[in-house]
C-alpha atoms as a PDB file:
ATOM      1  CA  MET A   1       3.474 -20.787  10.583  1.00  0.00           C
ATOM      2  CA  SER A   2       0.452 -19.303   8.794  1.00  0.00           C
ATOM      3  CA  SER A   3      -2.003 -21.236  10.965  1.00  0.00           C
ATOM      4  CA  ASP A   4      -0.390 -19.681  14.040  1.00  0.00           C
ATOM      5  CA  LEU A   5      -1.149 -16.110  13.000  1.00  0.00           C
ATOM      6  CA  PHE A   6      -4.247 -14.328  14.245  1.00  0.00           C
ATOM      7  CA  PRO A   7      -5.534 -10.737  14.316  1.00  0.00           C
ATOM      8  CA  GLY A   8      -3.938  -8.591  16.976  1.00  0.00           C
ATOM      9  CA  GLN A   9      -0.564 -10.334  16.978  1.00  0.00           C
ATOM     10  CA  ARG A  10       2.540  -8.158  16.773  1.00  0.00           C
ATOM     11  CA  VAL A  11       4.945  -9.181  14.018  1.00  0.00           C
ATOM     12  CA  ARG A  12       8.039  -8.061  12.162  1.00  0.00           C
ATOM     13  CA  LEU A  13       9.191  -8.757   8.615  1.00  0.00           C
ATOM     14  CA  PRO A  14      12.965  -9.419   8.859  1.00  0.00           C
ATOM     15  CA  SER A  15      13.516  -8.627   5.175  1.00  0.00           C
ATOM     16  CA  ARG A  16      12.021  -5.124   5.678  1.00  0.00           C
ATOM     17  CA  PRO A  17      13.213  -3.834   9.083  1.00  0.00           C
ATOM     18  CA  ASP A  18      12.474  -0.285   7.908  1.00  0.00           C
ATOM     19  CA  TRP A  19       8.735  -1.110   8.064  1.00  0.00           C
ATOM     20  CA  GLY A  20       8.966  -1.415  11.869  1.00  0.00           C
ATOM     21  CA  THR A  21       6.691  -3.654  13.868  1.00  0.00           C
ATOM     22  CA  GLY A  22       3.223  -4.471  12.671  1.00  0.00           C
ATOM     23  CA  GLN A  23      -0.084  -5.749  13.927  1.00  0.00           C
ATOM     24  CA  VAL A  24      -1.896  -8.532  12.095  1.00  0.00           C
ATOM     25  CA  GLN A  25      -5.248  -7.240  10.823  1.00  0.00           C
ATOM     26  CA  SER A  26      -6.560 -10.364   9.092  1.00  0.00           C
ATOM     27  CA  VAL A  27      -5.555 -13.803   7.884  1.00  0.00           C
ATOM     28  CA  ALA A  28      -7.273 -15.383   4.894  1.00  0.00           C
ATOM     29  CA  GLY A  29      -5.787 -18.539   3.473  1.00  0.00           C
ATOM     30  CA  ASP A  30      -2.260 -17.760   2.256  1.00  0.00           C
ATOM     31  CA  ARG A  31      -2.648 -14.004   2.761  1.00  0.00           C
ATOM     32  CA  VAL A  32      -2.129 -11.872   5.823  1.00  0.00           C
ATOM     33  CA  THR A  33      -2.784  -8.145   6.135  1.00  0.00           C
ATOM     34  CA  VAL A  34      -0.486  -6.359   8.561  1.00  0.00           C
ATOM     35  CA  ASN A  35      -0.548  -2.712   9.632  1.00  0.00           C
ATOM     36  CA  PHE A  36       3.141  -1.736   9.921  1.00  0.00           C
ATOM     37  CA  GLU A  37       4.358   1.337  11.825  1.00  0.00           C
ATOM     38  CA  ASN A  38       6.225   2.824   8.871  1.00  0.00           C
ATOM     39  CA  ALA A  39       4.589   1.189   5.860  1.00  0.00           C
ATOM     40  CA  GLY A  40       0.889   1.174   6.674  1.00  0.00           C
ATOM     41  CA  LYS A  41      -1.359  -1.740   5.745  1.00  0.00           C
ATOM     42  CA  VAL A  42       0.349  -4.360   3.614  1.00  0.00           C
ATOM     43  CA  THR A  43      -1.083  -7.656   2.355  1.00  0.00           C
ATOM     44  CA  LEU A  44       1.513 -10.420   2.102  1.00  0.00           C
ATOM     45  CA  ARG A  45       1.485 -13.980   0.769  1.00  0.00           C
ATOM     46  CA  LEU A  46       2.644 -16.225   3.571  1.00  0.00           C
ATOM     47  CA  SER A  47       4.233 -18.645   1.096  1.00  0.00           C
ATOM     48  CA  GLY A  48       6.668 -15.895   0.098  1.00  0.00           C
ATOM     49  CA  VAL A  49       7.590 -14.293   3.442  1.00  0.00           C
ATOM     50  CA  ALA A  50       8.615 -15.259   6.948  1.00  0.00           C
ATOM     51  CA  LEU A  51       7.131 -13.101   9.678  1.00  0.00           C
ATOM     52  CA  ASP A  52       8.649 -13.050  13.154  1.00  0.00           C
ATOM     53  CA  VAL A  53       5.988 -13.106  15.869  1.00  0.00           C
ATOM     54  CA  LEU A  54       6.834 -10.743  18.713  1.00  0.00           C
ATOM     55  CA  GLU A  55       6.060 -11.884  22.225  1.00  0.00           C
ATOM     56  CA  ASP A  56       4.063  -9.422  24.298  1.00  0.00           C
ATOM     57  CA  GLY A  57       4.252  -9.155  28.046  1.00  0.00           C
ATOM     58  CA  PRO A  58       6.826 -10.510  30.485  1.00  0.00           C
ATOM     59  CA  GLY A  59       9.112 -13.274  29.286  1.00  0.00           C
END
């Protein structure tokens, strides 16, 4: 999954729904920085979390 992430993607962290949706800021190796609506910028290790990618636009 980590190789599929890129800056600008909208994501959600299912284990922290209170953070709201986020936008990927950067991906570097096993780390991704996401700017979440309610938590601000958070750097996560992709080996320890599962982000849901949100589809933009019409289905």
